[in-house]
Amino acid sequence: MSRIRGGCLCGAVRYLSKSEPVMTALCHCTHCQRQSGGAFSVNVAVAKGSLEFQGSEPATYEDRGESGGKVLRRFCGKCGSSLLSEVDATPTLDWLKAGTLDDTSWVQPQASIWCDSAQA
């Protein structure tokens, strides 16, 4: 059974992935700070195409990252929960928001990125 299973706050969007996580990273970019409402975003990378959605399809906000590349930010259109990001700079990965996982007990960040914009 996969440990990659989760969904939004209201339950309208659920997801699962049968692939193993590639890595977990803390993103300190200002866009992730704004999206998460915190000092950083905890993101779990999974292989692109490995996610299966159940219920509602996520809504999309098209953003540009601090690198200038496109970032598709997927969220629940009903409750607004941020679910994942698709980043041009990492075309083989999808980045799940770790807070949406059903079980976060295994999440251990291995990297911090965009540290130049990290909050003090």
PDB file of N, CA and C in Angstrom:
ATOM      1  N   MET A   1       0.839  -1.183   0.000  1.00  0.00           N
ATOM      2  CA  MET A   1       0.000   0.000   0.000  1.00  0.00           C
ATOM      3  C   MET A   1       0.887   1.250   0.000  1.00  0.00           C
ATOM      4  N   SER A   2       0.494   2.225  -0.778  1.00  0.00           N
ATOM      5  CA  SER A   2       1.269   3.451  -0.914  1.00  0.00           C
ATOM      6  C   SER A   2       1.131   4.330   0.321  1.00  0.00           C
ATOM      7  N   ARG A   3       2.210   5.023   0.644  1.00  0.00           N
ATOM      8  CA  ARG A   3       2.115   6.003   1.713  1.00  0.00           C
ATOM      9  C   ARG A   3       1.762   7.373   1.151  1.00  0.00           C
ATOM     10  N   ILE A   4       1.672   7.477  -0.172  1.00  0.00           N
ATOM     11  CA  ILE A   4       1.292   8.733  -0.812  1.00  0.00           C
ATOM     12  C   ILE A   4      -0.214   8.704  -1.051  1.00  0.00           C
ATOM     13  N   ARG A   5      -0.928   9.205  -0.068  1.00  0.00           N
ATOM     14  CA  ARG A   5      -2.389   9.258  -0.125  1.00  0.00           C
ATOM     15  C   ARG A   5      -2.797  10.484   0.681  1.00  0.00           C
ATOM     16  N   GLY A   6      -3.718  11.261   0.147  1.00  0.00           N
ATOM     17  CA  GLY A   6      -4.124  12.451   0.876  1.00  0.00           C
ATOM     18  C   GLY A   6      -5.238  13.195   0.183  1.00  0.00           C
ATOM     19  N   GLY A   7      -5.431  14.441   0.590  1.00  0.00           N
ATOM     20  CA  GLY A   7      -6.488  15.243   0.010  1.00  0.00           C
ATOM     21  C   GLY A   7      -6.602  16.601   0.671  1.00  0.00           C
ATOM     22  N   CYS A   8      -7.591  17.337   0.227  1.00  0.00           N
ATOM     23  CA  CYS A   8      -7.814  18.696   0.701  1.00  0.00           C
ATOM     24  C   CYS A   8      -8.568  18.698   2.035  1.00  0.00           C
ATOM     25  N   LEU A   9      -8.737  19.867   2.595  1.00  0.00           N
ATOM     26  CA  LEU A   9      -9.394  20.053   3.879  1.00  0.00           C
ATOM     27  C   LEU A   9     -10.849  19.578   3.868  1.00  0.00           C
ATOM     28  N   CYS A  10     -11.584  19.875   2.808  1.00  0.00           N
ATOM     29  CA  CYS A  10     -13.006  19.517   2.772  1.00  0.00           C
ATOM     30  C   CYS A  10     -13.263  18.110   2.246  1.00  0.00           C
ATOM     31  N   GLY A  11     -12.250  17.474   1.666  1.00  0.00           N
ATOM     32  CA  GLY A  11     -12.404  16.116   1.159  1.00  0.00           C
ATOM     33  C   GLY A  11     -12.900  16.020  -0.273  1.00  0.00           C
ATOM     34  N   ALA A  12     -13.118  17.153  -0.932  1.00  0.00           N
ATOM     35  CA  ALA A  12     -13.619  17.122  -2.308  1.00  0.00           C
ATOM     36  C   ALA A  12     -12.574  16.567  -3.279  1.00  0.00           C
ATOM     37  N   VAL A  13     -11.289  16.812  -3.003  1.00  0.00           N
ATOM     38  CA  VAL A  13     -10.206  16.313  -3.855  1.00  0.00           C
ATOM     39  C   VAL A  13      -9.375  15.323  -3.037  1.00  0.00           C
ATOM     40  N   ARG A  14      -9.233  14.123  -3.550  1.00  0.00           N
ATOM     41  CA  ARG A  14      -8.393  13.094  -2.942  1.00  0.00           C
ATOM     42  C   ARG A  14      -7.381  12.657  -3.991  1.00  0.00           C
ATOM     43  N   TYR A  15      -6.216  12.190  -3.532  1.00  0.00           N
ATOM     44  CA  TYR A  15      -5.199  11.692  -4.455  1.00  0.00           C
ATOM     45  C   TYR A  15      -4.497  10.497  -3.856  1.00  0.00           C
ATOM     46  N   LEU A  16      -3.861   9.736  -4.751  1.00  0.00           N
ATOM     47  CA  LEU A  16      -2.979   8.656  -4.331  1.00  0.00           C
ATOM     48  C   LEU A  16      -1.945   8.447  -5.405  1.00  0.00           C
ATOM     49  N   SER A  17      -0.828   7.876  -4.997  1.00  0.00           N
ATOM     50  CA  SER A  17       0.245   7.544  -5.920  1.00  0.00           C
ATOM     51  C   SER A  17       0.824   6.215  -5.488  1.00  0.00           C
ATOM     52  N   LYS A  18       1.026   5.341  -6.441  1.00  0.00           N
ATOM     53  CA  LYS A  18       1.627   4.047  -6.134  1.00  0.00           C
ATOM     54  C   LYS A  18       3.146   4.105  -6.192  1.00  0.00           C
ATOM     55  N   SER A  19       3.696   5.228  -6.651  1.00  0.00           N
ATOM     56  CA  SER A  19       5.152   5.355  -6.689  1.00  0.00           C
ATOM     57  C   SER A  19       5.664   5.837  -5.330  1.00  0.00           C
ATOM     58  N   GLU A  20       6.915   5.580  -5.092  1.00  0.00           N
ATOM     59  CA  GLU A  20       7.561   6.027  -3.864  1.00  0.00           C
ATOM     60  C   GLU A  20       7.951   7.493  -4.005  1.00  0.00           C
ATOM     61  N   PRO A  21       8.030   8.219  -2.895  1.00  0.00           N
ATOM     62  CA  PRO A  21       8.476   9.609  -2.976  1.00  0.00           C
ATOM     63  C   PRO A  21       9.920   9.683  -3.452  1.00  0.00           C
ATOM     64  N   VAL A  22      10.220  10.707  -4.232  1.00  0.00           N
ATOM     65  CA  VAL A  22      11.574  10.919  -4.741  1.00  0.00           C
ATOM     66  C   VAL A  22      12.408  11.659  -3.699  1.00  0.00           C
ATOM     67  N   MET A  23      11.813  12.682  -3.089  1.00  0.00           N
ATOM     68  CA  MET A  23      12.493  13.466  -2.058  1.00  0.00           C
ATOM     69  C   MET A  23      11.498  14.379  -1.379  1.00  0.00           C
ATOM     70  N   THR A  24      11.913  14.965  -0.285  1.00  0.00           N
ATOM     71  CA  THR A  24      11.124  15.981   0.410  1.00  0.00           C
ATOM     72  C   THR A  24      12.007  17.212   0.570  1.00  0.00           C
ATOM     73  N   ALA A  25      11.448  18.370   0.225  1.00  0.00           N
ATOM     74  CA  ALA A  25      12.229  19.607   0.283  1.00  0.00           C
ATOM     75  C   ALA A  25      11.414  20.728   0.919  1.00  0.00           C
ATOM     76  N   LEU A  26      12.115  21.591   1.623  1.00  0.00           N
ATOM     77  CA  LEU A  26      11.518  22.812   2.146  1.00  0.00           C
ATOM     78  C   LEU A  26      11.796  23.912   1.144  1.00  0.00           C
ATOM     79  N   CYS A  27      10.747  24.552   0.643  1.00  0.00           N
ATOM     80  CA  CYS A  27      10.932  25.649  -0.305  1.00  0.00           C
ATOM     81  C   CYS A  27      10.689  26.960   0.418  1.00  0.00           C
ATOM     82  N   HIS A  28      11.688  27.845   0.350  1.00  0.00           N
ATOM     83  CA  HIS A  28      11.646  29.135   1.023  1.00  0.00           C
ATOM     84  C   HIS A  28      11.367  30.288   0.065  1.00  0.00           C
ATOM     85  N   CYS A  29      10.979  30.003  -1.183  1.00  0.00           N
ATOM     86  CA  CYS A  29      10.703  31.097  -2.132  1.00  0.00           C
ATOM     87  C   CYS A  29       9.504  31.911  -1.633  1.00  0.00           C
ATOM     88  N   THR A  30       9.464  33.171  -2.022  1.00  0.00           N
ATOM     89  CA  THR A  30       8.395  34.045  -1.535  1.00  0.00           C
ATOM     90  C   THR A  30       7.023  33.603  -2.021  1.00  0.00           C
ATOM     91  N   HIS A  31       6.955  32.954  -3.180  1.00  0.00           N
ATOM     92  CA  HIS A  31       5.662  32.494  -3.684  1.00  0.00           C
ATOM     93  C   HIS A  31       5.132  31.337  -2.827  1.00  0.00           C
ATOM     94  N   CYS A  32       6.006  30.401  -2.446  1.00  0.00           N
ATOM     95  CA  CYS A  32       5.575  29.309  -1.565  1.00  0.00           C
ATOM     96  C   CYS A  32       5.216  29.839  -0.180  1.00  0.00           C
ATOM     97  N   GLN A  33       5.928  30.871   0.273  1.00  0.00           N
ATOM     98  CA  GLN A  33       5.563  31.484   1.556  1.00  0.00           C
ATOM     99  C   GLN A  33       4.148  32.043   1.489  1.00  0.00           C
ATOM    100  N   ARG A  34       3.844  32.740   0.418  1.00  0.00           N
ATOM    101  CA  ARG A  34       2.499  33.321   0.276  1.00  0.00           C
ATOM    102  C   ARG A  34       1.437  32.239   0.108  1.00  0.00           C
ATOM    103  N   GLN A  35       1.751  31.222  -0.691  1.00  0.00           N
ATOM    104  CA  GLN A  35       0.773  30.165  -0.927  1.00  0.00           C
ATOM    105  C   GLN A  35       0.485  29.372   0.347  1.00  0.00           C
ATOM    106  N   SER A  36       1.537  29.090   1.110  1.00  0.00           N
ATOM    107  CA  SER A  36       1.364  28.263   2.308  1.00  0.00           C
ATOM    108  C   SER A  36       0.919  29.066   3.525  1.00  0.00           C
ATOM    109  N   GLY A  37       1.174  30.373   3.510  1.00  0.00           N
ATOM    110  CA  GLY A  37       0.870  31.189   4.672  1.00  0.00           C
ATOM    111  C   GLY A  37       1.889  31.009   5.781  1.00  0.00           C
ATOM    112  N   GLY A  38       3.025  30.403   5.458  1.00  0.00           N
ATOM    113  CA  GLY A  38       4.062  30.153   6.451  1.00  0.00           C
ATOM    114  C   GLY A  38       5.416  30.615   5.964  1.00  0.00           C
ATOM    115  N   ALA A  39       6.438  30.295   6.747  1.00  0.00           N
ATOM    116  CA  ALA A  39       7.801  30.707   6.418  1.00  0.00           C
ATOM    117  C   ALA A  39       8.391  29.895   5.273  1.00  0.00           C
ATOM    118  N   PHE A  40       7.820  28.730   4.994  1.00  0.00           N
ATOM    119  CA  PHE A  40       8.267  27.860   3.910  1.00  0.00           C
ATOM    120  C   PHE A  40       7.173  26.856   3.618  1.00  0.00           C
ATOM    121  N   SER A  41       7.355  26.107   2.547  1.00  0.00           N
ATOM    122  CA  SER A  41       6.423  25.059   2.168  1.00  0.00           C
ATOM    123  C   SER A  41       7.154  23.721   2.211  1.00  0.00           C
ATOM    124  N   VAL A  42       6.524  22.702   2.797  1.00  0.00           N
ATOM    125  CA  VAL A  42       7.088  21.358   2.837  1.00  0.00           C
ATOM    126  C   VAL A  42       6.511  20.598   1.653  1.00  0.00           C
ATOM    127  N   ASN A  43       7.389  20.161   0.737  1.00  0.00           N
ATOM    128  CA  ASN A  43       6.960  19.560  -0.520  1.00  0.00           C
ATOM    129  C   ASN A  43       7.553  18.172  -0.700  1.00  0.00           C
ATOM    130  N   VAL A  44       6.706  17.234  -1.110  1.00  0.00           N
ATOM    131  CA  VAL A  44       7.134  15.859  -1.387  1.00  0.00           C
ATOM    132  C   VAL A  44       7.088  15.646  -2.894  1.00  0.00           C
ATOM    133  N   ALA A  45       8.237  15.333  -3.479  1.00  0.00           N
ATOM    134  CA  ALA A  45       8.318  15.101  -4.923  1.00  0.00           C
ATOM    135  C   ALA A  45       7.924  13.667  -5.246  1.00  0.00           C
ATOM    136  N   VAL A  46       7.068  13.521  -6.260  1.00  0.00           N
ATOM    137  CA  VAL A  46       6.688  12.213  -6.792  1.00  0.00           C
ATOM    138  C   VAL A  46       6.864  12.254  -8.305  1.00  0.00           C
ATOM    139  N   ALA A  47       7.002  11.101  -8.903  1.00  0.00           N
ATOM    140  CA  ALA A  47       7.180  11.021 -10.355  1.00  0.00           C
ATOM    141  C   ALA A  47       5.972  11.626 -11.072  1.00  0.00           C
ATOM    142  N   LYS A  48       6.251  12.459 -12.065  1.00  0.00           N
ATOM    143  CA  LYS A  48       5.195  13.066 -12.881  1.00  0.00           C
ATOM    144  C   LYS A  48       4.321  11.962 -13.472  1.00  0.00           C
ATOM    145  N   GLY A  49       3.029  12.126 -13.371  1.00  0.00           N
ATOM    146  CA  GLY A  49       2.088  11.156 -13.919  1.00  0.00           C
ATOM    147  C   GLY A  49       1.717  10.036 -12.961  1.00  0.00           C
ATOM    148  N   SER A  50       2.306  10.007 -11.763  1.00  0.00           N
ATOM    149  CA  SER A  50       2.018   8.916 -10.828  1.00  0.00           C
ATOM    150  C   SER A  50       0.809   9.195  -9.938  1.00  0.00           C
ATOM    151  N   LEU A  51       0.308  10.430  -9.946  1.00  0.00           N
ATOM    152  CA  LEU A  51      -0.829  10.780  -9.099  1.00  0.00           C
ATOM    153  C   LEU A  51      -2.149  10.429  -9.766  1.00  0.00           C
ATOM    154  N   GLU A  52      -3.045   9.854  -8.980  1.00  0.00           N
ATOM    155  CA  GLU A  52      -4.417   9.593  -9.420  1.00  0.00           C
ATOM    156  C   GLU A  52      -5.330  10.415  -8.531  1.00  0.00           C
ATOM    157  N   PHE A  53      -6.213  11.197  -9.149  1.00  0.00           N
ATOM    158  CA  PHE A  53      -7.149  12.021  -8.387  1.00  0.00           C
ATOM    159  C   PHE A  53      -8.509  11.353  -8.318  1.00  0.00           C
ATOM    160  N   GLN A  54      -9.167  11.535  -7.184  1.00  0.00           N
ATOM    161  CA  GLN A  54     -10.520  11.035  -6.971  1.00  0.00           C
ATOM    162  C   GLN A  54     -11.368  12.210  -6.517  1.00  0.00           C
ATOM    163  N   GLY A  55     -12.635  12.185  -6.857  1.00  0.00           N
ATOM    164  CA  GLY A  55     -13.505  13.306  -6.517  1.00  0.00           C
ATOM    165  C   GLY A  55     -13.312  14.421  -7.519  1.00  0.00           C
ATOM    166  N   SER A  56     -13.296  15.633  -7.037  1.00  0.00           N
ATOM    167  CA  SER A  56     -13.138  16.805  -7.901  1.00  0.00           C
ATOM    168  C   SER A  56     -11.715  16.906  -8.444  1.00  0.00           C
ATOM    169  N   GLU A  57     -11.583  17.450  -9.632  1.00  0.00           N
ATOM    170  CA  GLU A  57     -10.267  17.761 -10.182  1.00  0.00           C
ATOM    171  C   GLU A  57      -9.782  19.050  -9.528  1.00  0.00           C
ATOM    172  N   PRO A  58      -8.495  19.141  -9.239  1.00  0.00           N
ATOM    173  CA  PRO A  58      -7.984  20.383  -8.654  1.00  0.00           C
ATOM    174  C   PRO A  58      -8.111  21.563  -9.617  1.00  0.00           C
ATOM    175  N   ALA A  59      -8.332  22.737  -9.048  1.00  0.00           N
ATOM    176  CA  ALA A  59      -8.291  23.975  -9.812  1.00  0.00           C
ATOM    177  C   ALA A  59      -6.816  24.350  -9.981  1.00  0.00           C
ATOM    178  N   THR A  60      -6.539  25.271 -10.906  1.00  0.00           N
ATOM    179  CA  THR A  60      -5.155  25.629 -11.210  1.00  0.00           C
ATOM    180  C   THR A  60      -4.970  27.135 -11.243  1.00  0.00           C
ATOM    181  N   TYR A  61      -3.883  27.581 -10.621  1.00  0.00           N
ATOM    182  CA  TYR A  61      -3.418  28.951 -10.740  1.00  0.00           C
ATOM    183  C   TYR A  61      -2.066  28.892 -11.436  1.00  0.00           C
ATOM    184  N   GLU A  62      -1.937  29.588 -12.574  1.00  0.00           N
ATOM    185  CA  GLU A  62      -0.664  29.602 -13.299  1.00  0.00           C
ATOM    186  C   GLU A  62       0.192  30.753 -12.791  1.00  0.00           C
ATOM    187  N   ASP A  63       1.329  30.399 -12.251  1.00  0.00           N
ATOM    188  CA  ASP A  63       2.249  31.338 -11.627  1.00  0.00           C
ATOM    189  C   ASP A  63       3.572  31.326 -12.395  1.00  0.00           C
ATOM    190  N   ARG A  64       4.425  32.237 -12.089  1.00  0.00           N
ATOM    191  CA  ARG A  64       5.816  32.233 -12.555  1.00  0.00           C
ATOM    192  C   ARG A  64       6.675  32.197 -11.304  1.00  0.00           C
ATOM    193  N   GLY A  65       7.562  31.238 -11.237  1.00  0.00           N
ATOM    194  CA  GLY A  65       8.457  31.126 -10.095  1.00  0.00           C
ATOM    195  C   GLY A  65       9.494  32.225 -10.109  1.00  0.00           C
ATOM    196  N   GLU A  66      10.258  32.312  -9.049  1.00  0.00           N
ATOM    197  CA  GLU A  66      11.308  33.328  -8.961  1.00  0.00           C
ATOM    198  C   GLU A  66      12.368  33.130 -10.033  1.00  0.00           C
ATOM    199  N   SER A  67      12.439  31.918 -10.598  1.00  0.00           N
ATOM    200  CA  SER A  67      13.374  31.644 -11.698  1.00  0.00           C
ATOM    201  C   SER A  67      12.835  32.152 -13.029  1.00  0.00           C
ATOM    202  N   GLY A  68      11.546  32.505 -13.066  1.00  0.00           N
ATOM    203  CA  GLY A  68      10.905  32.939 -14.302  1.00  0.00           C
ATOM    204  C   GLY A  68      10.151  31.829 -15.001  1.00  0.00           C
ATOM    205  N   GLY A  69      10.360  30.579 -14.581  1.00  0.00           N
ATOM    206  CA  GLY A  69       9.668  29.439 -15.180  1.00  0.00           C
ATOM    207  C   GLY A  69       8.240  29.313 -14.681  1.00  0.00           C
ATOM    208  N   LYS A  70       7.423  28.622 -15.477  1.00  0.00           N
ATOM    209  CA  LYS A  70       6.017  28.432 -15.144  1.00  0.00           C
ATOM    210  C   LYS A  70       5.871  27.461 -13.971  1.00  0.00           C
ATOM    211  N   VAL A  71       4.947  27.792 -13.068  1.00  0.00           N
ATOM    212  CA  VAL A  71       4.587  26.932 -11.947  1.00  0.00           C
ATOM    213  C   VAL A  71       3.064  26.834 -11.928  1.00  0.00           C
ATOM    214  N   LEU A  72       2.549  25.625 -12.120  1.00  0.00           N
ATOM    215  CA  LEU A  72       1.108  25.404 -12.015  1.00  0.00           C
ATOM    216  C   LEU A  72       0.810  25.006 -10.580  1.00  0.00           C
ATOM    217  N   ARG A  73       0.078  25.851  -9.883  1.00  0.00           N
ATOM    218  CA  ARG A  73      -0.267  25.596  -8.485  1.00  0.00           C
ATOM    219  C   ARG A  73      -1.683  25.041  -8.448  1.00  0.00           C
ATOM    220  N   ARG A  74      -1.807  23.787  -8.013  1.00  0.00           N
ATOM    221  CA  ARG A  74      -3.091  23.085  -7.992  1.00  0.00           C
ATOM    222  C   ARG A  74      -3.672  23.139  -6.584  1.00  0.00           C
ATOM    223  N   PHE A  75      -4.978  23.386  -6.511  1.00  0.00           N
ATOM    224  CA  PHE A  75      -5.644  23.550  -5.226  1.00  0.00           C
ATOM    225  C   PHE A  75      -7.096  23.111  -5.337  1.00  0.00           C
ATOM    226  N   CYS A  76      -7.736  22.912  -4.198  1.00  0.00           N
ATOM    227  CA  CYS A  76      -9.156  22.567  -4.199  1.00  0.00           C
ATOM    228  C   CYS A  76      -9.965  23.826  -4.498  1.00  0.00           C
ATOM    229  N   GLY A  77     -10.835  23.752  -5.501  1.00  0.00           N
ATOM    230  CA  GLY A  77     -11.671  24.885  -5.863  1.00  0.00           C
ATOM    231  C   GLY A  77     -12.761  25.173  -4.854  1.00  0.00           C
ATOM    232  N   LYS A  78     -13.022  24.233  -3.955  1.00  0.00           N
ATOM    233  CA  LYS A  78     -14.078  24.410  -2.954  1.00  0.00           C
ATOM    234  C   LYS A  78     -13.534  25.014  -1.656  1.00  0.00           C
ATOM    235  N   CYS A  79     -12.484  24.418  -1.080  1.00  0.00           N
ATOM    236  CA  CYS A  79     -11.965  24.890   0.214  1.00  0.00           C
ATOM    237  C   CYS A  79     -10.670  25.682   0.096  1.00  0.00           C
ATOM    238  N   GLY A  80     -10.011  25.646  -1.073  1.00  0.00           N
ATOM    239  CA  GLY A  80      -8.808  26.430  -1.299  1.00  0.00           C
ATOM    240  C   GLY A  80      -7.509  25.770  -0.868  1.00  0.00           C
ATOM    241  N   SER A  81      -7.562  24.552  -0.357  1.00  0.00           N
ATOM    242  CA  SER A  81      -6.332  23.884   0.085  1.00  0.00           C
ATOM    243  C   SER A  81      -5.333  23.735  -1.052  1.00  0.00           C
ATOM    244  N   SER A  82      -4.089  24.154  -0.819  1.00  0.00           N
ATOM    245  CA  SER A  82      -3.011  23.934  -1.784  1.00  0.00           C
ATOM    246  C   SER A  82      -2.669  22.456  -1.775  1.00  0.00           C
ATOM    247  N   LEU A  83      -2.593  21.835  -2.963  1.00  0.00           N
ATOM    248  CA  LEU A  83      -2.354  20.398  -3.054  1.00  0.00           C
ATOM    249  C   LEU A  83      -1.000  20.054  -3.650  1.00  0.00           C
ATOM    250  N   LEU A  84      -0.649  20.674  -4.760  1.00  0.00           N
ATOM    251  CA  LEU A  84       0.604  20.348  -5.416  1.00  0.00           C
ATOM    252  C   LEU A  84       0.998  21.450  -6.378  1.00  0.00           C
ATOM    253  N   SER A  85       2.259  21.386  -6.785  1.00  0.00           N
ATOM    254  CA  SER A  85       2.779  22.301  -7.797  1.00  0.00           C
ATOM    255  C   SER A  85       3.452  21.492  -8.894  1.00  0.00           C
ATOM    256  N   GLU A  86       3.271  21.952 -10.121  1.00  0.00           N
ATOM    257  CA  GLU A  86       3.974  21.403 -11.279  1.00  0.00           C
ATOM    258  C   GLU A  86       4.914  22.506 -11.742  1.00  0.00           C
ATOM    259  N   VAL A  87       6.207  22.225 -11.716  1.00  0.00           N
ATOM    260  CA  VAL A  87       7.231  23.253 -11.915  1.00  0.00           C
ATOM    261  C   VAL A  87       8.010  22.960 -13.194  1.00  0.00           C
ATOM    262  N   ASP A  88       8.063  23.933 -14.106  1.00  0.00           N
ATOM    263  CA  ASP A  88       8.815  23.753 -15.353  1.00  0.00           C
ATOM    264  C   ASP A  88      10.260  23.319 -15.108  1.00  0.00           C
ATOM    265  N   ALA A  89      10.859  23.828 -14.031  1.00  0.00           N
ATOM    266  CA  ALA A  89      12.264  23.523 -13.746  1.00  0.00           C
ATOM    267  C   ALA A  89      12.488  22.051 -13.371  1.00  0.00           C
ATOM    268  N   THR A  90      11.418  21.346 -12.979  1.00  0.00           N
ATOM    269  CA  THR A  90      11.524  19.917 -12.640  1.00  0.00           C
ATOM    270  C   THR A  90      10.427  19.154 -13.401  1.00  0.00           C
ATOM    271  N   PRO A  91      10.592  18.988 -14.721  1.00  0.00           N
ATOM    272  CA  PRO A  91       9.526  18.441 -15.560  1.00  0.00           C
ATOM    273  C   PRO A  91       9.175  16.978 -15.303  1.00  0.00           C
ATOM    274  N   THR A  92       9.992  16.239 -14.572  1.00  0.00           N
ATOM    275  CA  THR A  92       9.691  14.828 -14.312  1.00  0.00           C
ATOM    276  C   THR A  92       9.078  14.611 -12.932  1.00  0.00           C
ATOM    277  N   LEU A  93       8.810  15.722 -12.212  1.00  0.00           N
ATOM    278  CA  LEU A  93       8.291  15.612 -10.849  1.00  0.00           C
ATOM    279  C   LEU A  93       7.048  16.458 -10.631  1.00  0.00           C
ATOM    280  N   ASP A  94       6.185  16.002  -9.746  1.00  0.00           N
ATOM    281  CA  ASP A  94       5.104  16.801  -9.178  1.00  0.00           C
ATOM    282  C   ASP A  94       5.452  16.991  -7.710  1.00  0.00           C
ATOM    283  N   TRP A  95       5.109  18.150  -7.140  1.00  0.00           N
ATOM    284  CA  TRP A  95       5.476  18.492  -5.772  1.00  0.00           C
ATOM    285  C   TRP A  95       4.219  18.611  -4.918  1.00  0.00           C
ATOM    286  N   LEU A  96       3.943  17.582  -4.126  1.00  0.00           N
ATOM    287  CA  LEU A  96       2.794  17.570  -3.230  1.00  0.00           C
ATOM    288  C   LEU A  96       3.064  18.407  -1.994  1.00  0.00           C
ATOM    289  N   LYS A  97       2.053  19.078  -1.499  1.00  0.00           N
ATOM    290  CA  LYS A  97       2.158  19.794  -0.234  1.00  0.00           C
ATOM    291  C   LYS A  97       2.017  18.758   0.878  1.00  0.00           C
ATOM    292  N   ALA A  98       3.065  18.592   1.676  1.00  0.00           N
ATOM    293  CA  ALA A  98       3.118  17.517   2.673  1.00  0.00           C
ATOM    294  C   ALA A  98       1.968  17.580   3.676  1.00  0.00           C
ATOM    295  N   GLY A  99       1.471  18.766   3.951  1.00  0.00           N
ATOM    296  CA  GLY A  99       0.366  18.902   4.896  1.00  0.00           C
ATOM    297  C   GLY A  99      -0.935  18.276   4.424  1.00  0.00           C
ATOM    298  N   THR A 100      -1.009  17.910   3.145  1.00  0.00           N
ATOM    299  CA  THR A 100      -2.232  17.283   2.621  1.00  0.00           C
ATOM    300  C   THR A 100      -2.175  15.760   2.664  1.00  0.00           C
ATOM    301  N   LEU A 101      -1.025  15.201   3.079  1.00  0.00           N
ATOM    302  CA  LEU A 101      -0.897  13.742   3.181  1.00  0.00           C
ATOM    303  C   LEU A 101      -1.725  13.220   4.346  1.00  0.00           C
ATOM    304  N   ASP A 102      -2.316  12.040   4.182  1.00  0.00           N
ATOM    305  CA  ASP A 102      -3.047  11.419   5.291  1.00  0.00           C
ATOM    306  C   ASP A 102      -2.100  11.028   6.422  1.00  0.00           C
ATOM    307  N   ASP A 103      -0.913  10.571   6.073  1.00  0.00           N
ATOM    308  CA  ASP A 103       0.082  10.148   7.057  1.00  0.00           C
ATOM    309  C   ASP A 103       1.378  10.899   6.784  1.00  0.00           C
ATOM    310  N   THR A 104       1.766  11.759   7.691  1.00  0.00           N
ATOM    311  CA  THR A 104       2.998  12.537   7.524  1.00  0.00           C
ATOM    312  C   THR A 104       4.132  12.017   8.406  1.00  0.00           C
ATOM    313  N   SER A 105       3.930  10.891   9.061  1.00  0.00           N
ATOM    314  CA  SER A 105       4.908  10.393  10.025  1.00  0.00           C
ATOM    315  C   SER A 105       6.264  10.076   9.396  1.00  0.00           C
ATOM    316  N   TRP A 106       6.304   9.803   8.117  1.00  0.00           N
ATOM    317  CA  TRP A 106       7.538   9.419   7.430  1.00  0.00           C
ATOM    318  C   TRP A 106       8.250  10.595   6.766  1.00  0.00           C
ATOM    319  N   VAL A 107       7.624  11.754   6.725  1.00  0.00           N
ATOM    320  CA  VAL A 107       8.170  12.904   5.997  1.00  0.00           C
ATOM    321  C   VAL A 107       9.416  13.439   6.718  1.00  0.00           C
ATOM    322  N   GLN A 108      10.533  13.404   6.028  1.00  0.00           N
ATOM    323  CA  GLN A 108      11.817  13.899   6.542  1.00  0.00           C
ATOM    324  C   GLN A 108      12.465  14.757   5.454  1.00  0.00           C
ATOM    325  N   PRO A 109      12.385  16.082   5.551  1.00  0.00           N
ATOM    326  CA  PRO A 109      12.990  16.927   4.523  1.00  0.00           C
ATOM    327  C   PRO A 109      14.482  16.648   4.357  1.00  0.00           C
ATOM    328  N   GLN A 110      14.900  16.562   3.090  1.00  0.00           N
ATOM    329  CA  GLN A 110      16.301  16.297   2.756  1.00  0.00           C
ATOM    330  C   GLN A 110      17.015  17.523   2.214  1.00  0.00           C
ATOM    331  N   ALA A 111      16.253  18.546   1.853  1.00  0.00           N
ATOM    332  CA  ALA A 111      16.873  19.730   1.259  1.00  0.00           C
ATOM    333  C   ALA A 111      16.039  20.963   1.557  1.00  0.00           C
ATOM    334  N   SER A 112      16.696  22.098   1.549  1.00  0.00           N
ATOM    335  CA  SER A 112      16.037  23.402   1.591  1.00  0.00           C
ATOM    336  C   SER A 112      16.434  24.132   0.321  1.00  0.00           C
ATOM    337  N   ILE A 113      15.449  24.726  -0.344  1.00  0.00           N
ATOM    338  CA  ILE A 113      15.714  25.428  -1.595  1.00  0.00           C
ATOM    339  C   ILE A 113      15.227  26.872  -1.499  1.00  0.00           C
ATOM    340  N   TRP A 114      15.752  27.719  -2.369  1.00  0.00           N
ATOM    341  CA  TRP A 114      15.446  29.150  -2.414  1.00  0.00           C
ATOM    342  C   TRP A 114      15.706  29.784  -1.044  1.00  0.00           C
ATOM    343  N   CYS A 115      16.822  29.436  -0.445  1.00  0.00           N
ATOM    344  CA  CYS A 115      17.171  29.896   0.899  1.00  0.00           C
ATOM    345  C   CYS A 115      17.490  31.388   0.964  1.00  0.00           C
ATOM    346  N   ASP A 116      17.822  31.999  -0.189  1.00  0.00           N
ATOM    347  CA  ASP A 116      18.096  33.442  -0.194  1.00  0.00           C
ATOM    348  C   ASP A 116      16.866  34.251   0.199  1.00  0.00           C
ATOM    349  N   SER A 117      15.669  33.694  -0.001  1.00  0.00           N
ATOM    350  CA  SER A 117      14.455  34.410   0.384  1.00  0.00           C
ATOM    351  C   SER A 117      13.836  33.850   1.661  1.00  0.00           C
ATOM    352  N   ALA A 118      14.588  33.048   2.392  1.00  0.00           N
ATOM    353  CA  ALA A 118      14.091  32.481   3.653  1.00  0.00           C
ATOM    354  C   ALA A 118      13.863  33.605   4.668  1.00  0.00           C
ATOM    355  N   GLN A 119      12.826  33.446   5.470  1.00  0.00           N
ATOM    356  CA  GLN A 119      12.586  34.400   6.553  1.00  0.00           C
ATOM    357  C   GLN A 119      13.625  34.207   7.655  1.00  0.00           C
ATOM    358  N   ALA A 120      13.906  35.272   8.362  1.00  0.00           N
ATOM    359  CA  ALA A 120      14.947  35.240   9.419  1.00  0.00           C
ATOM    360  C   ALA A 120      14.579  34.261  10.532  1.00  0.00           C
TER     361      ALA A 120
END
